[in-house]
N, C-alpha and C. Protein backbone atom coordinates (compact mmCIF):
# COMPACT_ATOMS: atom_id res chain seq x y z
N UNK A 1 0.97 -0.82 -0.03
CA UNK A 1 -0.28 0.01 -0.09
C UNK A 1 0.92 1.14 -0.07
N UNK A 2 0.47 2.26 -0.74
CA UNK A 2 1.74 3.48 -1.28
C UNK A 2 1.10 4.44 0.19
N UNK A 3 2.38 4.72 0.52
CA UNK A 3 2.32 5.82 1.93
C UNK A 3 2.01 7.13 1.05
N UNK A 4 0.69 7.94 1.81
CA UNK A 4 0.61 9.38 1.32
C UNK A 4 1.01 10.24 2.12
N UNK A 5 1.05 11.59 1.69
CA UNK A 5 1.89 12.44 2.37
C UNK A 5 1.03 12.75 3.30
N UNK A 6 1.78 13.04 4.35
CA UNK A 6 1.02 13.55 5.63
C UNK A 6 0.62 15.24 5.88
N UNK A 7 -0.38 15.38 6.74
CA UNK A 7 -0.64 16.91 6.44
C UNK A 7 -0.62 17.03 7.78
N UNK A 8 0.28 18.22 7.42
CA UNK A 8 0.93 18.85 8.72
C UNK A 8 0.33 20.00 9.56
N UNK A 9 -0.32 20.34 10.46
CA UNK A 9 -1.16 20.95 10.93
C UNK A 9 -0.29 21.67 12.23
N UNK A 10 0.15 22.99 12.09
CA UNK A 10 0.86 23.20 13.55
C UNK A 10 -0.29 24.09 14.42
N UNK A 11 -0.76 23.28 15.50
CA UNK A 11 -1.34 23.71 16.50
C UNK A 11 -1.62 24.94 17.34
N UNK A 12 -0.30 25.67 17.33
CA UNK A 12 0.51 26.24 17.88
C UNK A 12 0.11 27.94 17.12
N UNK A 13 -0.38 27.78 15.99
CA UNK A 13 -0.75 28.73 15.33
C UNK A 13 -2.28 28.83 15.35
N UNK A 14 -2.95 30.29 15.39
CA UNK A 14 -4.16 30.29 15.11
C UNK A 14 -4.90 30.14 13.47
N UNK A 15 -5.62 29.35 13.78
CA UNK A 15 -6.66 29.15 12.74
C UNK A 15 -6.52 30.17 11.27
N UNK A 16 -6.29 30.51 10.23
CA UNK A 16 -6.95 31.10 9.39
C UNK A 16 -8.36 31.75 8.92
N UNK A 17 -8.60 32.56 9.72
CA UNK A 17 -10.43 32.88 10.08
C UNK A 17 -11.15 33.24 8.89
N UNK A 18 -10.16 33.94 7.61
CA UNK A 18 -11.07 34.02 6.43
C UNK A 18 -10.94 32.96 5.23
N UNK A 19 -10.36 31.81 5.65
CA UNK A 19 -10.55 30.66 4.70
C UNK A 19 -11.55 29.61 4.92
N UNK A 20 -11.92 28.81 4.50
CA UNK A 20 -12.71 27.78 4.66
C UNK A 20 -12.26 26.58 5.24
N UNK A 21 -12.88 25.74 5.94
CA UNK A 21 -12.58 24.53 6.20
C UNK A 21 -12.20 23.41 5.08
N UNK A 22 -11.68 22.31 5.37
CA UNK A 22 -11.19 21.33 4.41
C UNK A 22 -12.12 20.26 4.76
N UNK A 23 -13.08 20.27 5.69
CA UNK A 23 -13.78 18.86 6.02
C UNK A 23 -15.21 19.33 5.84
N UNK A 24 -15.60 20.73 6.06
CA UNK A 24 -17.01 20.92 5.95
C UNK A 24 -17.20 21.92 4.93
N UNK A 25 -18.52 22.68 4.59
CA UNK A 25 -18.77 23.89 3.66
C UNK A 25 -18.52 24.53 4.56
N UNK A 26 -18.25 24.92 5.83
CA UNK A 26 -18.23 26.28 6.45
C UNK A 26 -17.46 26.95 6.47
N UNK A 27 -17.36 27.89 6.59
CA UNK A 27 -15.53 29.00 6.62
C UNK A 27 -15.47 28.71 8.36
N UNK A 28 -13.92 28.81 7.95
CA UNK A 28 -13.38 28.27 9.58
C UNK A 28 -14.08 29.46 10.72
N UNK A 29 -14.22 30.85 10.54
CA UNK A 29 -14.53 31.67 11.33
C UNK A 29 -16.05 30.98 12.19
N UNK A 30 -16.34 30.13 11.30
CA UNK A 30 -17.99 30.34 11.93
C UNK A 30 -17.53 28.81 12.85
N UNK A 31 -16.97 27.99 13.01
CA UNK A 31 -16.61 26.80 13.66
C UNK A 31 -16.33 27.28 15.34
N UNK A 32 -17.30 26.55 16.03
CA UNK A 32 -16.89 26.87 17.70
C UNK A 32 -15.84 25.75 18.12
N UNK A 33 -15.81 25.77 19.63
CA UNK A 33 -14.53 25.08 19.78
C UNK A 33 -14.44 23.41 19.57
N UNK A 34 -15.99 22.73 19.37
CA UNK A 34 -16.33 21.29 19.20
C UNK A 34 -16.28 21.37 17.75
N UNK A 35 -16.29 22.22 16.77
CA UNK A 35 -16.19 22.28 15.50
C UNK A 35 -14.85 22.42 15.09
N UNK A 36 -14.02 23.08 15.82
CA UNK A 36 -12.42 23.02 15.48
C UNK A 36 -11.98 21.95 15.47
N UNK A 37 -12.03 21.21 16.65
CA UNK A 37 -11.58 20.01 17.26
C UNK A 37 -11.93 18.91 16.15
N UNK A 38 -13.24 19.07 16.19
CA UNK A 38 -14.10 17.58 14.88
C UNK A 38 -13.08 18.26 13.56
N UNK A 39 -13.27 19.12 13.26
CA UNK A 39 -12.95 18.80 11.98
C UNK A 39 -11.39 18.99 11.59
N UNK A 40 -10.67 19.34 12.81
CA UNK A 40 -9.13 18.95 12.65
C UNK A 40 -8.56 17.77 12.53
N UNK A 41 -9.40 17.07 13.74
CA UNK A 41 -9.28 15.50 13.69
C UNK A 41 -9.69 15.19 12.54
N UNK A 42 -10.30 15.13 11.93
CA UNK A 42 -11.20 14.51 10.83
C UNK A 42 -9.95 14.87 9.51
N UNK A 43 -9.66 16.07 9.52
CA UNK A 43 -8.69 16.52 8.73
C UNK A 43 -7.64 15.34 8.68
N UNK A 44 -6.85 15.85 10.37
CA UNK A 44 -5.36 15.16 10.52
C UNK A 44 -5.37 13.48 10.20
N UNK A 45 -6.80 12.84 10.71
CA UNK A 45 -6.77 11.34 10.61
C UNK A 45 -7.25 11.00 8.91
N UNK A 46 -7.30 12.19 8.13
CA UNK A 46 -8.25 11.51 7.20
C UNK A 46 -9.47 10.62 6.98
N UNK A 47 -10.40 10.90 8.21
CA UNK A 47 -11.52 10.03 8.18
C UNK A 47 -12.81 10.80 7.20
N UNK A 48 -13.25 10.01 6.45
CA UNK A 48 -14.62 9.94 5.80
C UNK A 48 -15.71 9.98 6.59
N UNK A 49 -15.85 11.73 7.15
CA UNK A 49 -16.96 11.54 8.35
C UNK A 49 -17.47 12.85 7.76
N UNK A 50 -19.15 12.99 8.20
CA UNK A 50 -19.57 14.26 7.58
C UNK A 50 -19.56 15.49 8.78
N UNK A 51 -20.18 16.48 8.22
CA UNK A 51 -20.07 17.99 9.14
C UNK A 51 -20.94 17.68 10.87
N UNK A 52 -20.52 18.27 11.83
CA UNK A 52 -21.22 18.63 13.05
C UNK A 52 -21.81 19.77 13.23
N UNK A 53 -21.20 20.63 12.39
CA UNK A 53 -21.50 22.14 12.60
C UNK A 53 -23.07 22.05 12.83
N UNK A 54 -23.17 23.26 13.80
CA UNK A 54 -24.65 23.23 14.14
C UNK A 54 -25.36 24.50 12.68
């Protein structure tokens, strides 16, 4: 099985609040604390799961 290039996220930096989320259709600035954690974990783990944003 070929290895994919890992996605590197620097958790010490503030997210780009003007950008969009790589996981769900919502702007990053609209994420609450749970949404930030969920979407970050989904991206890092490359999980095929849907949005939990309210």
